[in-house]
Amino acid sequence: MQSYLDLLRRILDQGHWQENRTGIRTRAISGASLRFDLRTGFPAVTTRRLPFKTFMGELVGFLRGSDSAAQFRALGSGIWDANANRNSQWLANPNRRGEDDLGRIYGVQWRDWQGWRNVPAGSPQLAHALESGWELRGRLDDGSLMLSRRIDQLRDCLDKLVHSPSDRRILFHAWNPAELDRMALPPCHLLYQFNAALETRTLSLCLYQRSVDAPLGLVGNLAEAAALLTLFARLSGFTPAWLNWFGSDVHIYENQLEMVHSQLARTPFPAPHLLLDARVPDFARTGVHAPEWLERVEPDDFRLEGYQHHPPLSAPMAV
């Protein structure tokens, strides 16, 4: 994770101060990238303790399409408590359904994307859409028909990795403009794209983030993306290879500076390795497509081996 520490230094040295919705200034840069080879180690921060189980609980909640902070807590992750119950903008939002509600955040969009389209009545487009799983919802004033379809983006990605892995469109995202006001927090990690190398049977993942809290959020985003890549590789018969991360607004909050300076004074340890429990089926061995494991996987199925770290450090999360 030396490259991560170098990124923190770059933000401190080259960043600019800016105001934001939280009321706490950030030191920010525009544009950054990181690249990790999972065959040589897992991208876990070692200059402080990574709350690994907390992040695996969040990942499993995303995989299950969770929309309540209580569901994340049941998985051992309290990450969403503040945004569910102490985010003033969300508390005032008429779409909020009560305590712990998060609305249609990441996993909901991943597993239950709401697709809408309108087509002319009696047209070939209508017949094709109905054959493809679209359902009739009503008629518009101009005579065209309104159709809808729920799209499971994760299942679609896994199906393609198994059946058409050379496809260059194996991706999912959470940025749905029509539903941003129905989310406790608009998505920061927006788009994930898988790239399969058939010659080497390796699988890589690219992740793009519009905004990221580098001291707190980024370490979790990297850990979850690496675990996600490992899971998809297991379920599709590949070996996990490269995790490529791209960030747009990459920042450090002013009240996190003490923690950042403490981390930068420490020498990182070697990267640990991620172990995925043997109960999660390996497509390369069984040849059986098992997409139901997107919901069956548990936080304890992910384990770090050889994880050395410096003592814990803490800093507040801006809400």
C-alpha atoms as a PDB file:
ATOM      1  CA  MET A   1       0.000   0.000   0.000  1.00  0.00           C
ATOM      2  CA  GLN A   2       2.935   2.350  -0.505  1.00  0.00           C
ATOM      3  CA  SER A   3       1.110   3.804  -3.499  1.00  0.00           C
ATOM      4  CA  TYR A   4      -1.794   4.677  -1.211  1.00  0.00           C
ATOM      5  CA  LEU A   5       0.526   6.524   1.164  1.00  0.00           C
ATOM      6  CA  ASP A   6       2.041   8.339  -1.803  1.00  0.00           C
ATOM      7  CA  LEU A   7      -1.460   9.438  -2.759  1.00  0.00           C
ATOM      8  CA  LEU A   8      -2.054  10.871   0.721  1.00  0.00           C
ATOM      9  CA  ARG A   9       1.197  12.833   0.429  1.00  0.00           C
ATOM     10  CA  ARG A  10       0.201  14.113  -2.996  1.00  0.00           C
ATOM     11  CA  ILE A  11      -3.110  15.404  -1.633  1.00  0.00           C
ATOM     12  CA  LEU A  12      -1.312  17.215   1.180  1.00  0.00           C
ATOM     13  CA  ASP A  13       1.361  18.677  -1.107  1.00  0.00           C
ATOM     14  CA  GLN A  14      -0.628  19.483  -4.246  1.00  0.00           C
ATOM     15  CA  GLY A  15      -4.238  19.720  -3.085  1.00  0.00           C
ATOM     16  CA  HIS A  16      -6.399  22.809  -2.739  1.00  0.00           C
ATOM     17  CA  TRP A  17      -8.818  23.738   0.040  1.00  0.00           C
ATOM     18  CA  GLN A  18     -12.504  23.625  -0.788  1.00  0.00           C
ATOM     19  CA  GLU A  19     -15.856  23.890   0.968  1.00  0.00           C
ATOM     20  CA  ASN A  20     -18.498  21.162   0.686  1.00  0.00           C
ATOM     21  CA  ARG A  21     -21.933  20.062   1.895  1.00  0.00           C
ATOM     22  CA  THR A  22     -20.630  18.729   5.239  1.00  0.00           C
ATOM     23  CA  GLY A  23     -19.320  22.083   6.461  1.00  0.00           C
ATOM     24  CA  ILE A  24     -15.820  20.614   7.026  1.00  0.00           C
ATOM     25  CA  ARG A  25     -13.172  21.768   4.549  1.00  0.00           C
ATOM     26  CA  THR A  26     -11.279  19.276   2.430  1.00  0.00           C
ATOM     27  CA  ARG A  27      -7.814  19.259   0.916  1.00  0.00           C
ATOM     28  CA  ALA A  28      -8.511  17.846  -2.550  1.00  0.00           C
ATOM     29  CA  ILE A  29      -6.974  16.928  -5.892  1.00  0.00           C
ATOM     30  CA  SER A  30      -8.657  16.175  -9.185  1.00  0.00           C
ATOM     31  CA  GLY A  31      -7.788  12.814 -10.680  1.00  0.00           C
ATOM     32  CA  ALA A  32      -5.807   9.902  -9.237  1.00  0.00           C
ATOM     33  CA  SER A  33      -5.270   6.207  -9.901  1.00  0.00           C
ATOM     34  CA  LEU A  34      -3.995   3.142  -8.042  1.00  0.00           C
ATOM     35  CA  ARG A  35      -3.219  -0.364  -9.309  1.00  0.00           C
ATOM     36  CA  PHE A  36      -2.861  -3.575  -7.295  1.00  0.00           C
ATOM     37  CA  ASP A  37      -1.943  -7.110  -8.378  1.00  0.00           C
ATOM     38  CA  LEU A  38      -4.034  -9.410  -6.170  1.00  0.00           C
ATOM     39  CA  ARG A  39      -1.752 -12.317  -7.031  1.00  0.00           C
ATOM     40  CA  THR A  40       0.947 -10.695  -4.906  1.00  0.00           C
ATOM     41  CA  GLY A  41      -1.218  -9.485  -2.041  1.00  0.00           C
ATOM     42  CA  PHE A  42      -4.425  -7.879  -0.834  1.00  0.00           C
ATOM     43  CA  PRO A  43      -4.664  -4.038  -0.763  1.00  0.00           C
ATOM     44  CA  ALA A  44      -5.169  -3.651   2.983  1.00  0.00           C
ATOM     45  CA  VAL A  45      -3.817  -0.559   4.708  1.00  0.00           C
ATOM     46  CA  THR A  46      -1.097  -1.563   7.217  1.00  0.00           C
ATOM     47  CA  THR A  47      -0.111   1.803   8.712  1.00  0.00           C
ATOM     48  CA  ARG A  48      -3.206   1.414  10.885  1.00  0.00           C
ATOM     49  CA  ARG A  49      -5.672  -1.393  11.488  1.00  0.00           C
ATOM     50  CA  LEU A  50      -8.176  -2.005   8.702  1.00  0.00           C
ATOM     51  CA  PRO A  51     -11.674  -2.798  10.099  1.00  0.00           C
ATOM     52  CA  PHE A  52     -11.838  -5.716   7.688  1.00  0.00           C
ATOM     53  CA  LYS A  53     -14.968  -7.444   9.011  1.00  0.00           C
ATOM     54  CA  THR A  54     -16.853  -4.162   9.034  1.00  0.00           C
ATOM     55  CA  PHE A  55     -16.121  -3.671   5.351  1.00  0.00           C
ATOM     56  CA  MET A  56     -16.934  -7.287   4.472  1.00  0.00           C
ATOM     57  CA  GLY A  57     -20.270  -6.821   6.227  1.00  0.00           C
ATOM     58  CA  GLU A  58     -20.926  -3.754   4.108  1.00  0.00           C
ATOM     59  CA  LEU A  59     -19.976  -5.611   0.923  1.00  0.00           C
ATOM     60  CA  VAL A  60     -22.310  -8.506   1.735  1.00  0.00           C
ATOM     61  CA  GLY A  61     -25.074  -5.985   2.429  1.00  0.00           C
ATOM     62  CA  PHE A  62     -24.506  -4.476  -1.006  1.00  0.00           C
ATOM     63  CA  LEU A  63     -24.572  -7.926  -2.613  1.00  0.00           C
ATOM     64  CA  ARG A  64     -27.945  -8.574  -0.987  1.00  0.00           C
ATOM     65  CA  GLY A  65     -29.403  -5.235  -2.039  1.00  0.00           C
ATOM     66  CA  SER A  66     -29.814  -3.999   1.541  1.00  0.00           C
ATOM     67  CA  ASP A  67     -31.641  -0.692   2.033  1.00  0.00           C
ATOM     68  CA  SER A  68     -31.590  -0.372   5.833  1.00  0.00           C
ATOM     69  CA  ALA A  69     -28.812   0.428   8.304  1.00  0.00           C
ATOM     70  CA  ALA A  70     -30.268  -2.327  10.498  1.00  0.00           C
ATOM     71  CA  GLN A  71     -29.536  -4.882   7.774  1.00  0.00           C
ATOM     72  CA  PHE A  72     -25.909  -3.741   7.629  1.00  0.00           C
ATOM     73  CA  ARG A  73     -25.626  -3.851  11.442  1.00  0.00           C
ATOM     74  CA  ALA A  74     -26.888  -7.442  11.392  1.00  0.00           C
ATOM     75  CA  LEU A  75     -23.919  -8.209   9.129  1.00  0.00           C
ATOM     76  CA  GLY A  76     -21.484  -6.604  11.572  1.00  0.00           C
ATOM     77  CA  SER A  77     -21.224  -3.223   9.852  1.00  0.00           C
ATOM     78  CA  GLY A  78     -22.336   0.064  11.403  1.00  0.00           C
ATOM     79  CA  ILE A  79     -20.983   2.132   8.510  1.00  0.00           C
ATOM     80  CA  TRP A  80     -24.439   3.343   7.427  1.00  0.00           C
ATOM     81  CA  ASP A  81     -25.846   4.324  10.827  1.00  0.00           C
ATOM     82  CA  ALA A  82     -24.877   7.992  10.549  1.00  0.00           C
ATOM     83  CA  ASN A  83     -26.098   8.515   7.002  1.00  0.00           C
ATOM     84  CA  ALA A  84     -29.384   6.777   7.816  1.00  0.00           C
ATOM     85  CA  ASN A  85     -30.158   8.601  11.044  1.00  0.00           C
ATOM     86  CA  ARG A  86     -27.953  11.697  11.406  1.00  0.00           C
ATOM     87  CA  ASN A  87     -27.695  13.072   7.876  1.00  0.00           C
ATOM     88  CA  SER A  88     -29.746  16.292   8.050  1.00  0.00           C
ATOM     89  CA  GLN A  89     -30.466  16.359   4.318  1.00  0.00           C
ATOM     90  CA  TRP A  90     -31.763  12.790   4.358  1.00  0.00           C
ATOM     91  CA  LEU A  91     -33.748  13.341   7.558  1.00  0.00           C
ATOM     92  CA  ALA A  92     -35.608  16.170   5.820  1.00  0.00           C
ATOM     93  CA  ASN A  93     -36.192  14.158   2.645  1.00  0.00           C
ATOM     94  CA  PRO A  94     -39.874  13.128   2.229  1.00  0.00           C
ATOM     95  CA  ASN A  95     -38.706   9.890   0.576  1.00  0.00           C
ATOM     96  CA  ARG A  96     -37.132   8.668   3.841  1.00  0.00           C
ATOM     97  CA  ARG A  97     -39.347   5.938   5.305  1.00  0.00           C
ATOM     98  CA  GLY A  98     -38.231   6.124   8.926  1.00  0.00           C
ATOM     99  CA  GLU A  99     -35.429   5.032  11.229  1.00  0.00           C
ATOM    100  CA  ASP A 100     -32.516   3.237   9.575  1.00  0.00           C
ATOM    101  CA  ASP A 101     -33.956   3.679   6.078  1.00  0.00           C
ATOM    102  CA  LEU A 102     -31.320   4.306   3.396  1.00  0.00           C
ATOM    103  CA  GLY A 103     -33.452   4.352   0.281  1.00  0.00           C
ATOM    104  CA  ARG A 104     -32.211   2.964  -3.017  1.00  0.00           C
ATOM    105  CA  ILE A 105     -28.458   3.036  -2.320  1.00  0.00           C
ATOM    106  CA  TYR A 106     -25.676   1.038  -3.967  1.00  0.00           C
ATOM    107  CA  GLY A 107     -26.783  -2.562  -3.607  1.00  0.00           C
ATOM    108  CA  VAL A 108     -30.391  -1.775  -4.466  1.00  0.00           C
ATOM    109  CA  GLN A 109     -29.247  -0.288  -7.765  1.00  0.00           C
ATOM    110  CA  TRP A 110     -26.845  -3.198  -8.323  1.00  0.00           C
ATOM    111  CA  ARG A 111     -29.515  -5.864  -7.820  1.00  0.00           C
ATOM    112  CA  ASP A 112     -32.766  -4.049  -8.713  1.00  0.00           C
ATOM    113  CA  TRP A 113     -32.139  -1.356 -11.310  1.00  0.00           C
ATOM    114  CA  GLN A 114     -35.441   0.121 -12.460  1.00  0.00           C
ATOM    115  CA  GLY A 115     -35.458   0.304 -16.259  1.00  0.00           C
ATOM    116  CA  TRP A 116     -38.110   2.309 -18.110  1.00  0.00           C
ATOM    117  CA  ARG A 117     -38.773   2.851 -21.803  1.00  0.00           C
ATOM    118  CA  ASN A 118     -41.632   3.818 -24.072  1.00  0.00           C
ATOM    119  CA  VAL A 119     -42.247   2.226 -27.490  1.00  0.00           C
ATOM    120  CA  PRO A 120     -44.860   2.668 -30.223  1.00  0.00           C
ATOM    121  CA  ALA A 121     -47.902   0.418 -29.876  1.00  0.00           C
ATOM    122  CA  GLY A 122     -47.917  -2.517 -32.291  1.00  0.00           C
ATOM    123  CA  SER A 123     -44.290  -1.942 -33.302  1.00  0.00           C
ATOM    124  CA  PRO A 124     -41.509  -4.531 -33.753  1.00  0.00           C
ATOM    125  CA  GLN A 125     -39.733  -2.801 -30.849  1.00  0.00           C
ATOM    126  CA  LEU A 126     -42.674  -3.673 -28.592  1.00  0.00           C
ATOM    127  CA  ALA A 127     -42.628  -7.354 -29.515  1.00  0.00           C
ATOM    128  CA  HIS A 128     -38.868  -7.543 -29.013  1.00  0.00           C
ATOM    129  CA  ALA A 129     -39.044  -5.781 -25.637  1.00  0.00           C
ATOM    130  CA  LEU A 130     -41.803  -8.061 -24.336  1.00  0.00           C
ATOM    131  CA  GLU A 131     -39.811 -11.126 -25.433  1.00  0.00           C
ATOM    132  CA  SER A 132     -36.806  -9.705 -23.525  1.00  0.00           C
ATOM    133  CA  GLY A 133     -38.631  -9.476 -20.215  1.00  0.00           C
ATOM    134  CA  TRP A 134     -40.040  -5.949 -20.309  1.00  0.00           C
ATOM    135  CA  GLU A 135     -43.541  -5.528 -18.851  1.00  0.00           C
ATOM    136  CA  LEU A 136     -46.343  -3.221 -19.960  1.00  0.00           C
ATOM    137  CA  ARG A 137     -47.093  -0.470 -17.428  1.00  0.00           C
ATOM    138  CA  GLY A 138     -49.424   1.915 -19.224  1.00  0.00           C
ATOM    139  CA  ARG A 139     -50.180   4.091 -22.215  1.00  0.00           C
ATOM    140  CA  LEU A 140     -48.874   7.644 -22.662  1.00  0.00           C
ATOM    141  CA  ASP A 141     -50.812  10.582 -24.089  1.00  0.00           C
ATOM    142  CA  ASP A 142     -49.116  10.195 -27.482  1.00  0.00           C
ATOM    143  CA  GLY A 143     -50.318   6.596 -27.752  1.00  0.00           C
ATOM    144  CA  SER A 144     -46.973   4.962 -27.030  1.00  0.00           C
ATOM    145  CA  LEU A 145     -46.687   2.283 -24.376  1.00  0.00           C
ATOM    146  CA  MET A 146     -44.652   2.561 -21.180  1.00  0.00           C
ATOM    147  CA  LEU A 147     -42.617  -0.515 -20.255  1.00  0.00           C
ATOM    148  CA  SER A 148     -40.527  -1.362 -17.229  1.00  0.00           C
ATOM    149  CA  ARG A 149     -38.037  -4.046 -16.265  1.00  0.00           C
ATOM    150  CA  ARG A 150     -36.084  -4.835 -13.105  1.00  0.00           C
ATOM    151  CA  ILE A 151     -32.440  -5.491 -13.953  1.00  0.00           C
ATOM    152  CA  ASP A 152     -30.093  -7.472 -11.709  1.00  0.00           C
ATOM    153  CA  GLN A 153     -26.777  -5.981 -12.803  1.00  0.00           C
ATOM    154  CA  LEU A 154     -24.620  -8.313 -10.695  1.00  0.00           C
ATOM    155  CA  ARG A 155     -26.323 -11.429 -12.029  1.00  0.00           C
ATOM    156  CA  ASP A 156     -25.940 -10.073 -15.556  1.00  0.00           C
ATOM    157  CA  CYS A 157     -22.180  -9.577 -15.018  1.00  0.00           C
ATOM    158  CA  LEU A 158     -21.708 -13.061 -13.571  1.00  0.00           C
ATOM    159  CA  ASP A 159     -23.727 -14.661 -16.381  1.00  0.00           C
ATOM    160  CA  LYS A 160     -21.555 -12.926 -18.973  1.00  0.00           C
ATOM    161  CA  LEU A 161     -18.325 -13.952 -17.259  1.00  0.00           C
ATOM    162  CA  VAL A 162     -19.478 -17.571 -17.435  1.00  0.00           C
ATOM    163  CA  HIS A 163     -21.037 -17.568 -20.891  1.00  0.00           C
ATOM    164  CA  SER A 164     -19.368 -14.712 -22.833  1.00  0.00           C
ATOM    165  CA  PRO A 165     -16.279 -13.598 -20.876  1.00  0.00           C
ATOM    166  CA  SER A 166     -14.698 -11.758 -23.827  1.00  0.00           C
ATOM    167  CA  ASP A 167     -17.570  -9.235 -23.746  1.00  0.00           C
ATOM    168  CA  ARG A 168     -16.223  -5.713 -23.159  1.00  0.00           C
ATOM    169  CA  ARG A 169     -19.491  -4.606 -21.551  1.00  0.00           C
ATOM    170  CA  ILE A 170     -19.353  -6.580 -18.304  1.00  0.00           C
ATOM    171  CA  LEU A 171     -20.049  -3.723 -15.916  1.00  0.00           C
ATOM    172  CA  PHE A 172     -22.473  -2.403 -13.330  1.00  0.00           C
ATOM    173  CA  HIS A 173     -23.047   1.007 -11.779  1.00  0.00           C
ATOM    174  CA  ALA A 174     -25.208   2.807  -9.256  1.00  0.00           C
ATOM    175  CA  TRP A 175     -25.650   6.307 -10.701  1.00  0.00           C
ATOM    176  CA  ASN A 176     -29.357   6.496 -11.494  1.00  0.00           C
ATOM    177  CA  PRO A 177     -30.272  10.192 -11.951  1.00  0.00           C
ATOM    178  CA  ALA A 178     -33.974   9.434 -11.616  1.00  0.00           C
ATOM    179  CA  GLU A 179     -33.448   8.078  -8.104  1.00  0.00           C
ATOM    180  CA  LEU A 180     -30.744  10.260  -6.555  1.00  0.00           C
ATOM    181  CA  ASP A 181     -33.341  11.932  -4.329  1.00  0.00           C
ATOM    182  CA  ARG A 182     -34.368   8.490  -3.036  1.00  0.00           C
ATOM    183  CA  MET A 183     -30.931   7.724  -1.567  1.00  0.00           C
ATOM    184  CA  ALA A 184     -29.485   8.617   1.822  1.00  0.00           C
ATOM    185  CA  LEU A 185     -26.227   9.343   0.008  1.00  0.00           C
ATOM    186  CA  PRO A 186     -25.652   9.533  -3.763  1.00  0.00           C
ATOM    187  CA  PRO A 187     -23.140   6.853  -4.829  1.00  0.00           C
ATOM    188  CA  CYS A 188     -19.457   7.723  -4.640  1.00  0.00           C
ATOM    189  CA  HIS A 189     -18.048   4.497  -6.112  1.00  0.00           C
ATOM    190  CA  LEU A 190     -19.981   4.641  -9.334  1.00  0.00           C
ATOM    191  CA  LEU A 191     -18.874   2.137 -11.915  1.00  0.00           C
ATOM    192  CA  TYR A 192     -17.258  -1.304 -11.857  1.00  0.00           C
ATOM    193  CA  GLN A 193     -16.069  -3.084 -15.003  1.00  0.00           C
ATOM    194  CA  PHE A 194     -14.690  -6.627 -15.249  1.00  0.00           C
ATOM    195  CA  ASN A 195     -12.013  -7.547 -17.791  1.00  0.00           C
ATOM    196  CA  ALA A 196     -11.358 -11.255 -18.415  1.00  0.00           C
ATOM    197  CA  ALA A 197      -8.107 -12.489 -19.965  1.00  0.00           C
ATOM    198  CA  LEU A 198      -8.992 -15.844 -21.496  1.00  0.00           C
ATOM    199  CA  GLU A 199      -5.415 -16.789 -22.366  1.00  0.00           C
ATOM    200  CA  THR A 200      -4.320 -16.660 -18.723  1.00  0.00           C
ATOM    201  CA  ARG A 201      -7.777 -17.270 -17.165  1.00  0.00           C
ATOM    202  CA  THR A 202      -7.361 -14.150 -15.029  1.00  0.00           C
ATOM    203  CA  LEU A 203      -9.974 -11.575 -14.104  1.00  0.00           C
ATOM    204  CA  SER A 204      -9.371  -7.882 -13.407  1.00  0.00           C
ATOM    205  CA  LEU A 205     -11.622  -5.086 -12.224  1.00  0.00           C
ATOM    206  CA  CYS A 206     -11.689  -1.339 -12.849  1.00  0.00           C
ATOM    207  CA  LEU A 207     -13.439   0.910 -10.332  1.00  0.00           C
ATOM    208  CA  TYR A 208     -14.269   4.585 -10.899  1.00  0.00           C
ATOM    209  CA  GLN A 209     -15.197   6.937  -8.029  1.00  0.00           C
ATOM    210  CA  ARG A 210     -16.608  10.437  -8.444  1.00  0.00           C
ATOM    211  CA  SER A 211     -15.659  11.430  -4.873  1.00  0.00           C
ATOM    212  CA  VAL A 212     -13.676   9.724  -2.141  1.00  0.00           C
ATOM    213  CA  ASP A 213     -12.592  10.382   1.436  1.00  0.00           C
ATOM    214  CA  ALA A 214      -9.027   9.068   1.102  1.00  0.00           C
ATOM    215  CA  PRO A 215      -8.186   8.437   4.794  1.00  0.00           C
ATOM    216  CA  LEU A 216     -11.400   6.577   5.705  1.00  0.00           C
ATOM    217  CA  GLY A 217     -13.486   5.696   2.667  1.00  0.00           C
ATOM    218  CA  LEU A 218     -10.830   4.710   0.164  1.00  0.00           C
ATOM    219  CA  VAL A 219      -9.285   1.953   2.286  1.00  0.00           C
ATOM    220  CA  GLY A 220     -12.726   0.358   2.539  1.00  0.00           C
ATOM    221  CA  ASN A 221     -13.506   0.827  -1.133  1.00  0.00           C
ATOM    222  CA  LEU A 222     -10.271  -0.908  -2.120  1.00  0.00           C
ATOM    223  CA  ALA A 223     -10.802  -3.784   0.302  1.00  0.00           C
ATOM    224  CA  GLU A 224     -14.380  -4.350  -0.823  1.00  0.00           C
ATOM    225  CA  ALA A 225     -13.509  -4.117  -4.523  1.00  0.00           C
ATOM    226  CA  ALA A 226     -10.682  -6.631  -4.097  1.00  0.00           C
ATOM    227  CA  ALA A 227     -12.997  -9.018  -2.220  1.00  0.00           C
ATOM    228  CA  LEU A 228     -15.698  -8.542  -4.858  1.00  0.00           C
ATOM    229  CA  LEU A 229     -13.217  -9.342  -7.624  1.00  0.00           C
ATOM    230  CA  THR A 230     -12.091 -12.453  -5.744  1.00  0.00           C
ATOM    231  CA  LEU A 231     -15.687 -13.627  -5.320  1.00  0.00           C
ATOM    232  CA  PHE A 232     -16.611 -13.099  -8.971  1.00  0.00           C
ATOM    233  CA  ALA A 233     -13.412 -14.827 -10.083  1.00  0.00           C
ATOM    234  CA  ARG A 234     -14.247 -17.873  -7.930  1.00  0.00           C
ATOM    235  CA  LEU A 235     -17.816 -18.055  -9.240  1.00  0.00           C
ATOM    236  CA  SER A 236     -16.751 -17.732 -12.886  1.00  0.00           C
ATOM    237  CA  GLY A 237     -13.614 -19.872 -12.983  1.00  0.00           C
ATOM    238  CA  PHE A 238     -10.892 -17.226 -13.107  1.00  0.00           C
ATOM    239  CA  THR A 239      -7.919 -16.175 -10.985  1.00  0.00           C
ATOM    240  CA  PRO A 240      -8.202 -12.623  -9.594  1.00  0.00           C
ATOM    241  CA  ALA A 241      -5.510 -10.368 -11.056  1.00  0.00           C
ATOM    242  CA  TRP A 242      -5.526  -6.558 -11.291  1.00  0.00           C
ATOM    243  CA  LEU A 243      -7.614  -4.123  -9.301  1.00  0.00           C
ATOM    244  CA  ASN A 244      -7.467  -0.734 -11.017  1.00  0.00           C
ATOM    245  CA  TRP A 245      -8.895   2.252  -9.137  1.00  0.00           C
ATOM    246  CA  PHE A 246      -9.651   5.698 -10.553  1.00  0.00           C
ATOM    247  CA  GLY A 247     -10.792   8.677  -8.469  1.00  0.00           C
ATOM    248  CA  SER A 248     -12.043  12.107  -9.499  1.00  0.00           C
ATOM    249  CA  ASP A 249     -12.415  14.343  -6.411  1.00  0.00           C
ATOM    250  CA  VAL A 250      -9.951  12.722  -3.990  1.00  0.00           C
ATOM    251  CA  HIS A 251      -9.789  14.479  -0.643  1.00  0.00           C
ATOM    252  CA  ILE A 252      -8.784  14.589   3.011  1.00  0.00           C
ATOM    253  CA  TYR A 253     -11.078  16.305   5.515  1.00  0.00           C
ATOM    254  CA  GLU A 254      -9.457  18.965   7.663  1.00  0.00           C
ATOM    255  CA  ASN A 255     -10.281  17.075  10.859  1.00  0.00           C
ATOM    256  CA  GLN A 256      -8.466  13.964   9.536  1.00  0.00           C
ATOM    257  CA  LEU A 257      -5.052  15.617   9.120  1.00  0.00           C
ATOM    258  CA  GLU A 258      -3.656  14.395  12.438  1.00  0.00           C
ATOM    259  CA  MET A 259      -4.427  10.780  11.554  1.00  0.00           C
ATOM    260  CA  VAL A 260      -2.935  11.168   8.079  1.00  0.00           C
ATOM    261  CA  HIS A 261       0.317  12.608   9.410  1.00  0.00           C
ATOM    262  CA  SER A 262       0.543   9.755  11.931  1.00  0.00           C
ATOM    263  CA  GLN A 263       0.127   7.205   9.154  1.00  0.00           C
ATOM    264  CA  LEU A 264       2.741   8.832   6.970  1.00  0.00           C
ATOM    265  CA  ALA A 265       5.269   8.594   9.798  1.00  0.00           C
ATOM    266  CA  ARG A 266       4.873   4.800   9.870  1.00  0.00           C
ATOM    267  CA  THR A 267       6.555   2.177   7.693  1.00  0.00           C
ATOM    268  CA  PRO A 268       4.049  -0.118   5.935  1.00  0.00           C
ATOM    269  CA  PHE A 269       4.128  -3.890   6.413  1.00  0.00           C
ATOM    270  CA  PRO A 270       3.968  -6.436   3.554  1.00  0.00           C
ATOM    271  CA  ALA A 271       0.538  -6.996   2.038  1.00  0.00           C
ATOM    272  CA  PRO A 272      -1.580  -9.830   3.458  1.00  0.00           C
ATOM    273  CA  HIS A 273      -3.495 -12.329   1.326  1.00  0.00           C
ATOM    274  CA  LEU A 274      -7.239 -12.855   1.037  1.00  0.00           C
ATOM    275  CA  LEU A 275      -8.692 -16.320   1.593  1.00  0.00           C
ATOM    276  CA  LEU A 276     -12.223 -17.100   0.386  1.00  0.00           C
ATOM    277  CA  ASP A 277     -13.843 -19.977   2.250  1.00  0.00           C
ATOM    278  CA  ALA A 278     -13.868 -23.311   0.431  1.00  0.00           C
ATOM    279  CA  ARG A 279     -17.653 -23.538   0.832  1.00  0.00           C
ATOM    280  CA  VAL A 280     -18.012 -20.903  -1.910  1.00  0.00           C
ATOM    281  CA  PRO A 281     -18.139 -23.027  -5.095  1.00  0.00           C
ATOM    282  CA  ASP A 282     -15.289 -22.811  -7.601  1.00  0.00           C
ATOM    283  CA  PHE A 283     -16.648 -22.819 -11.156  1.00  0.00           C
ATOM    284  CA  ALA A 284     -13.237 -23.874 -12.508  1.00  0.00           C
ATOM    285  CA  ARG A 285     -13.520 -27.086 -10.499  1.00  0.00           C
ATOM    286  CA  THR A 286     -17.255 -27.841 -10.603  1.00  0.00           C
ATOM    287  CA  GLY A 287     -18.325 -26.375 -13.942  1.00  0.00           C
ATOM    288  CA  VAL A 288     -21.630 -25.509 -12.256  1.00  0.00           C
ATOM    289  CA  HIS A 289     -22.905 -21.950 -12.562  1.00  0.00           C
ATOM    290  CA  ALA A 290     -24.019 -20.912  -9.060  1.00  0.00           C
ATOM    291  CA  PRO A 291     -25.196 -17.257  -9.112  1.00  0.00           C
ATOM    292  CA  GLU A 292     -27.207 -17.817  -5.919  1.00  0.00           C
ATOM    293  CA  TRP A 293     -23.919 -17.415  -4.043  1.00  0.00           C
ATOM    294  CA  LEU A 294     -24.109 -13.687  -4.668  1.00  0.00           C
ATOM    295  CA  GLU A 295     -26.680 -13.763  -1.843  1.00  0.00           C
ATOM    296  CA  ARG A 296     -25.402 -16.755   0.127  1.00  0.00           C
ATOM    297  CA  VAL A 297     -21.901 -15.472   0.821  1.00  0.00           C
ATOM    298  CA  GLU A 298     -21.326 -14.305   4.404  1.00  0.00           C
ATOM    299  CA  PRO A 299     -18.814 -11.808   5.869  1.00  0.00           C
ATOM    300  CA  ASP A 300     -16.929 -14.664   7.554  1.00  0.00           C
ATOM    301  CA  ASP A 301     -16.307 -16.283   4.155  1.00  0.00           C
ATOM    302  CA  PHE A 302     -13.614 -13.615   3.634  1.00  0.00           C
ATOM    303  CA  ARG A 303     -10.449 -13.871   5.742  1.00  0.00           C
ATOM    304  CA  LEU A 304      -7.082 -12.120   5.697  1.00  0.00           C
ATOM    305  CA  GLU A 305      -3.968 -14.232   6.123  1.00  0.00           C
ATOM    306  CA  GLY A 306      -0.703 -12.740   7.366  1.00  0.00           C
ATOM    307  CA  TYR A 307      -2.155  -9.312   8.138  1.00  0.00           C
ATOM    308  CA  GLN A 308       0.356  -7.182  10.078  1.00  0.00           C
ATOM    309  CA  HIS A 309      -0.583  -3.637  10.960  1.00  0.00           C
ATOM    310  CA  HIS A 310       0.373  -0.700  13.152  1.00  0.00           C
ATOM    311  CA  PRO A 311      -1.881   0.298  16.099  1.00  0.00           C
ATOM    312  CA  PRO A 312      -5.345   1.625  15.274  1.00  0.00           C
ATOM    313  CA  LEU A 313      -5.915   5.272  14.415  1.00  0.00           C
ATOM    314  CA  SER A 314      -9.256   7.038  14.248  1.00  0.00           C
ATOM    315  CA  ALA A 315     -10.719  10.145  12.681  1.00  0.00           C
ATOM    316  CA  PRO A 316     -14.304  11.397  12.336  1.00  0.00           C
ATOM    317  CA  MET A 317     -16.396  10.668   9.275  1.00  0.00           C
ATOM    318  CA  ALA A 318     -18.070  13.725   7.789  1.00  0.00           C
ATOM    319  CA  VAL A 319     -21.823  13.324   7.261  1.00  0.00           C
END
